[in-house]
Each structure stands twice: as C-alpha cells, then as structure tokens.
C-alpha cells in the first residue's frame, strides 16, 4: 500500500506515551492500526443504524439472548483448553 506523510495534532502526553511503548519506528504503524480500527467501528455503527431502521431497535430480550449465547461459547471453548481448536483441525485434516 502506498503511503503519504500527513501532519496531525495529538495531545503531547498521549503521543509520548505511545512513542515510549512502541518506539519511534512503531509510532506510524500504531496510529495506522488505531485509525483502521476506528474506521471498522464507524462502519459497524453505520450497519447497525441501517439494520435498526429496517428492522427496528434490538430489544432487551434479544440482547439478553445474545449475551447468554456468548457466555455459552466462552464456557465451551474454556472447557476445551488452549490449543484445542488447532488440535481438532489437525485431526480433521
């Protein structure tokens, strides 16, 4: 991907914290990843808005059901232990 240099203004304390954590050579990559994540969040927000316009807002019952399902997935994978997914993949292949 082609790159171009831009000038941005950041709070000094924040910029120095990041530079200290990632080093001067990693600063641009860090900022790039942060902007990419923000764009993803913006797009997801736009999708949610469109879906809510089409189907109505998510109900409390739907949120509770989704949360219960998420907890069940976490419990299932925690029981499998670390690396279990990779082991299943190797056995299947």
N, C-alpha and C. Protein backbone atom coordinates (compact mmCIF):
# COMPACT_ATOMS: atom_id res chain seq x y z
N UNK A 1 0.85 -1.16 0.00
CA UNK A 1 0.00 0.00 0.00
C UNK A 1 0.91 1.24 0.00
N UNK A 2 0.59 2.17 -0.85
CA UNK A 2 1.35 3.41 -0.91
C UNK A 2 1.09 4.23 0.35
N UNK A 3 2.08 4.97 0.77
CA UNK A 3 1.93 5.81 1.95
C UNK A 3 2.21 7.26 1.59
N UNK A 4 1.69 8.15 2.40
CA UNK A 4 1.91 9.57 2.23
C UNK A 4 2.01 10.17 3.62
N UNK A 5 2.89 11.12 3.78
CA UNK A 5 3.09 11.76 5.07
C UNK A 5 2.04 12.84 5.29
N UNK A 6 1.43 12.84 6.49
CA UNK A 6 0.44 13.83 6.89
C UNK A 6 0.88 14.44 8.21
N UNK A 7 0.40 15.60 8.46
CA UNK A 7 0.63 16.25 9.74
C UNK A 7 -0.67 16.20 10.53
N UNK A 8 -0.59 15.66 11.75
CA UNK A 8 -1.74 15.61 12.63
C UNK A 8 -1.34 16.21 13.97
N UNK A 9 -2.31 16.70 14.69
CA UNK A 9 -2.06 17.25 16.01
C UNK A 9 -2.63 16.29 17.05
N UNK A 10 -1.78 15.88 17.98
CA UNK A 10 -2.18 14.95 19.04
C UNK A 10 -1.84 15.57 20.39
N UNK A 11 -2.57 15.20 21.42
CA UNK A 11 -2.16 15.63 22.75
C UNK A 11 -0.75 15.10 23.04
N UNK A 12 0.13 15.97 23.50
CA UNK A 12 1.54 15.61 23.68
C UNK A 12 1.71 14.42 24.61
N UNK A 13 1.00 14.41 25.72
CA UNK A 13 1.15 13.31 26.68
C UNK A 13 0.77 11.97 26.06
N UNK A 14 -0.32 11.94 25.31
CA UNK A 14 -0.75 10.71 24.65
C UNK A 14 0.29 10.25 23.64
N UNK A 15 0.75 11.17 22.80
CA UNK A 15 1.73 10.82 21.78
C UNK A 15 3.02 10.29 22.41
N UNK A 16 3.46 10.90 23.49
CA UNK A 16 4.69 10.45 24.15
C UNK A 16 4.52 9.09 24.81
N UNK A 17 3.34 8.83 25.37
CA UNK A 17 3.07 7.51 25.94
C UNK A 17 3.16 6.44 24.86
N UNK A 18 2.56 6.70 23.73
CA UNK A 18 2.58 5.74 22.62
C UNK A 18 4.00 5.55 22.12
N UNK A 19 4.72 6.62 21.89
CA UNK A 19 6.10 6.55 21.40
C UNK A 19 6.96 5.76 22.38
N UNK A 20 6.74 5.97 23.68
CA UNK A 20 7.50 5.24 24.69
C UNK A 20 7.20 3.73 24.63
N UNK A 21 5.95 3.38 24.39
CA UNK A 21 5.54 1.97 24.35
C UNK A 21 6.00 1.27 23.08
N UNK A 22 5.91 1.94 21.93
CA UNK A 22 6.16 1.27 20.66
C UNK A 22 7.49 1.66 20.02
N UNK A 23 8.15 2.67 20.56
CA UNK A 23 9.39 3.15 19.95
C UNK A 23 9.08 4.08 18.80
N UNK A 24 10.06 4.89 18.46
CA UNK A 24 9.81 5.90 17.42
C UNK A 24 9.49 5.26 16.07
N UNK A 25 10.08 4.11 15.76
CA UNK A 25 9.82 3.45 14.49
C UNK A 25 8.44 2.81 14.39
N UNK A 26 7.78 2.57 15.53
CA UNK A 26 6.47 1.92 15.51
C UNK A 26 5.31 2.88 15.63
N UNK A 27 5.61 4.15 15.78
CA UNK A 27 4.56 5.14 16.03
C UNK A 27 3.57 5.21 14.87
N UNK A 28 4.05 5.33 13.64
CA UNK A 28 3.16 5.44 12.48
C UNK A 28 2.30 4.19 12.32
N UNK A 29 2.91 3.03 12.52
CA UNK A 29 2.16 1.78 12.41
C UNK A 29 1.07 1.71 13.47
N UNK A 30 1.38 2.17 14.68
CA UNK A 30 0.40 2.17 15.77
C UNK A 30 -0.77 3.07 15.42
N UNK A 31 -0.47 4.28 14.94
CA UNK A 31 -1.53 5.23 14.59
C UNK A 31 -2.36 4.68 13.43
N UNK A 32 -1.71 4.06 12.46
CA UNK A 32 -2.42 3.48 11.32
C UNK A 32 -3.41 2.41 11.80
N UNK A 33 -2.94 1.51 12.69
CA UNK A 33 -3.84 0.46 13.21
C UNK A 33 -5.00 1.07 13.99
N UNK A 34 -4.74 2.12 14.76
CA UNK A 34 -5.80 2.77 15.52
C UNK A 34 -6.85 3.37 14.59
N UNK A 35 -6.40 4.01 13.52
CA UNK A 35 -7.34 4.60 12.56
C UNK A 35 -8.13 3.51 11.85
N UNK A 36 -7.47 2.41 11.49
CA UNK A 36 -8.18 1.30 10.83
C UNK A 36 -9.26 0.74 11.75
N UNK A 37 -8.94 0.56 13.04
CA UNK A 37 -9.95 0.05 13.99
C UNK A 37 -11.11 1.03 14.12
N UNK A 38 -10.81 2.33 14.15
CA UNK A 38 -11.88 3.31 14.25
C UNK A 38 -12.78 3.27 13.03
N UNK A 39 -12.19 3.12 11.85
CA UNK A 39 -12.99 3.02 10.62
C UNK A 39 -13.90 1.79 10.67
N UNK A 40 -13.37 0.68 11.17
CA UNK A 40 -14.19 -0.53 11.31
C UNK A 40 -15.37 -0.27 12.24
N UNK A 41 -15.10 0.39 13.36
CA UNK A 41 -16.17 0.71 14.32
C UNK A 41 -17.19 1.64 13.68
N UNK A 42 -16.73 2.62 12.92
CA UNK A 42 -17.65 3.53 12.24
C UNK A 42 -18.54 2.78 11.27
N UNK A 43 -17.95 1.87 10.50
CA UNK A 43 -18.74 1.09 9.54
C UNK A 43 -19.74 0.19 10.26
N UNK A 44 -19.33 -0.42 11.37
CA UNK A 44 -20.26 -1.24 12.13
C UNK A 44 -21.42 -0.40 12.66
N UNK A 45 -21.11 0.81 13.12
CA UNK A 45 -22.15 1.71 13.59
C UNK A 45 -23.14 2.05 12.49
N UNK A 46 -22.61 2.28 11.29
CA UNK A 46 -23.48 2.57 10.14
C UNK A 46 -24.36 1.37 9.82
N UNK A 47 -23.79 0.17 9.90
CA UNK A 47 -24.57 -1.05 9.64
C UNK A 47 -25.67 -1.21 10.67
N UNK A 48 -25.34 -0.99 11.94
CA UNK A 48 -26.35 -1.10 13.00
C UNK A 48 -27.48 -0.10 12.75
N UNK A 49 -27.12 1.11 12.39
CA UNK A 49 -28.14 2.13 12.12
C UNK A 49 -29.05 1.69 10.98
N UNK A 50 -28.48 1.19 9.88
CA UNK A 50 -29.30 0.74 8.75
C UNK A 50 -30.20 -0.42 9.15
N UNK A 51 -29.64 -1.39 9.89
CA UNK A 51 -30.44 -2.54 10.30
C UNK A 51 -31.56 -2.14 11.25
N UNK A 52 -31.27 -1.21 12.16
CA UNK A 52 -32.32 -0.75 13.08
C UNK A 52 -33.40 0.03 12.34
N UNK A 53 -33.01 0.78 11.30
CA UNK A 53 -34.02 1.48 10.50
C UNK A 53 -34.92 0.49 9.78
N UNK A 54 -34.33 -0.61 9.33
CA UNK A 54 -35.08 -1.60 8.57
C UNK A 54 -35.89 -2.54 9.47
N UNK A 55 -35.30 -2.95 10.61
CA UNK A 55 -35.91 -3.99 11.45
C UNK A 55 -36.32 -3.50 12.83
N UNK A 56 -36.02 -2.27 13.16
CA UNK A 56 -36.31 -1.76 14.49
C UNK A 56 -35.14 -2.01 15.43
N UNK A 57 -35.14 -1.34 16.57
CA UNK A 57 -34.02 -1.50 17.50
C UNK A 57 -34.00 -2.89 18.12
N UNK A 58 -32.82 -3.28 18.57
CA UNK A 58 -32.65 -4.56 19.25
C UNK A 58 -33.33 -4.45 20.60
N UNK A 59 -34.10 -5.48 20.93
CA UNK A 59 -34.84 -5.47 22.20
C UNK A 59 -33.94 -5.97 23.34
N UNK A 60 -34.36 -5.69 24.56
CA UNK A 60 -33.64 -6.18 25.73
C UNK A 60 -33.59 -7.71 25.74
N UNK A 61 -34.68 -8.35 25.33
CA UNK A 61 -34.71 -9.82 25.28
C UNK A 61 -33.69 -10.35 24.28
N UNK A 62 -33.58 -9.70 23.12
CA UNK A 62 -32.61 -10.13 22.11
C UNK A 62 -31.18 -9.93 22.61
N UNK A 63 -30.93 -8.82 23.30
CA UNK A 63 -29.61 -8.58 23.87
C UNK A 63 -29.27 -9.64 24.92
N UNK A 64 -30.23 -9.94 25.77
CA UNK A 64 -30.01 -10.95 26.81
C UNK A 64 -29.75 -12.32 26.20
N UNK A 65 -30.48 -12.66 25.15
CA UNK A 65 -30.29 -13.94 24.47
C UNK A 65 -28.90 -14.01 23.83
N UNK A 66 -28.48 -12.93 23.19
CA UNK A 66 -27.16 -12.91 22.56
C UNK A 66 -26.06 -13.01 23.61
N UNK A 67 -26.23 -12.34 24.73
CA UNK A 67 -25.24 -12.40 25.81
C UNK A 67 -25.16 -13.81 26.39
N UNK A 68 -26.29 -14.47 26.56
CA UNK A 68 -26.30 -15.84 27.06
C UNK A 68 -25.58 -16.77 26.10
N UNK A 69 -25.82 -16.57 24.81
CA UNK A 69 -25.15 -17.40 23.81
C UNK A 69 -23.65 -17.15 23.80
N UNK A 70 -23.23 -15.88 23.96
CA UNK A 70 -21.81 -15.56 24.01
C UNK A 70 -21.15 -16.23 25.21
N UNK A 71 -21.81 -16.18 26.36
CA UNK A 71 -21.25 -16.83 27.56
C UNK A 71 -21.14 -18.34 27.36
N UNK A 72 -22.11 -18.93 26.68
CA UNK A 72 -22.07 -20.37 26.42
C UNK A 72 -20.88 -20.72 25.53
N UNK A 73 -20.65 -19.93 24.50
CA UNK A 73 -19.48 -20.15 23.63
C UNK A 73 -18.20 -20.03 24.44
N UNK A 74 -18.09 -19.01 25.28
CA UNK A 74 -16.89 -18.84 26.10
C UNK A 74 -16.68 -20.05 27.00
N UNK A 75 -17.75 -20.52 27.63
CA UNK A 75 -17.67 -21.67 28.52
C UNK A 75 -17.22 -22.91 27.74
N UNK A 76 -17.80 -23.10 26.56
CA UNK A 76 -17.45 -24.26 25.74
C UNK A 76 -15.96 -24.25 25.38
N UNK A 77 -15.48 -23.11 24.91
CA UNK A 77 -14.08 -23.05 24.49
C UNK A 77 -13.13 -23.07 25.66
N UNK A 78 -13.54 -22.55 26.82
CA UNK A 78 -12.71 -22.62 28.01
C UNK A 78 -12.54 -24.07 28.44
N UNK A 79 -13.59 -24.87 28.30
CA UNK A 79 -13.53 -26.29 28.66
C UNK A 79 -12.61 -27.06 27.73
N UNK A 80 -12.50 -26.61 26.50
CA UNK A 80 -11.66 -27.29 25.52
C UNK A 80 -10.18 -27.10 25.83
N UNK A 81 -9.84 -26.00 26.49
CA UNK A 81 -8.46 -25.72 26.83
C UNK A 81 -7.73 -25.05 25.69
N UNK A 82 -6.56 -24.46 26.00
CA UNK A 82 -5.79 -23.76 24.97
C UNK A 82 -5.31 -24.71 23.89
N UNK A 83 -5.37 -24.27 22.66
CA UNK A 83 -4.89 -25.07 21.54
C UNK A 83 -5.82 -26.15 21.07
N UNK A 84 -6.96 -26.32 21.71
CA UNK A 84 -7.88 -27.40 21.35
C UNK A 84 -8.41 -27.23 19.94
N UNK A 85 -8.69 -26.02 19.53
CA UNK A 85 -9.20 -25.80 18.18
C UNK A 85 -8.18 -26.24 17.14
N UNK A 86 -6.92 -25.91 17.36
CA UNK A 86 -5.88 -26.32 16.43
C UNK A 86 -5.72 -27.82 16.38
N UNK A 87 -5.84 -28.47 17.52
CA UNK A 87 -5.73 -29.94 17.58
C UNK A 87 -6.88 -30.59 16.82
N UNK A 88 -8.11 -30.08 17.00
CA UNK A 88 -9.24 -30.63 16.25
C UNK A 88 -9.03 -30.46 14.77
N UNK A 89 -8.47 -29.30 14.37
CA UNK A 89 -8.23 -29.04 12.94
C UNK A 89 -7.21 -30.03 12.39
N UNK A 90 -6.15 -30.30 13.15
CA UNK A 90 -5.11 -31.23 12.67
C UNK A 90 -5.68 -32.65 12.54
N UNK A 91 -6.52 -33.06 13.48
CA UNK A 91 -7.09 -34.40 13.41
C UNK A 91 -8.06 -34.53 12.24
N UNK A 92 -8.79 -33.44 11.94
CA UNK A 92 -9.78 -33.48 10.86
C UNK A 92 -9.08 -33.48 9.51
N UNK A 93 -7.90 -32.88 9.42
CA UNK A 93 -7.22 -32.73 8.12
C UNK A 93 -6.42 -33.88 7.80
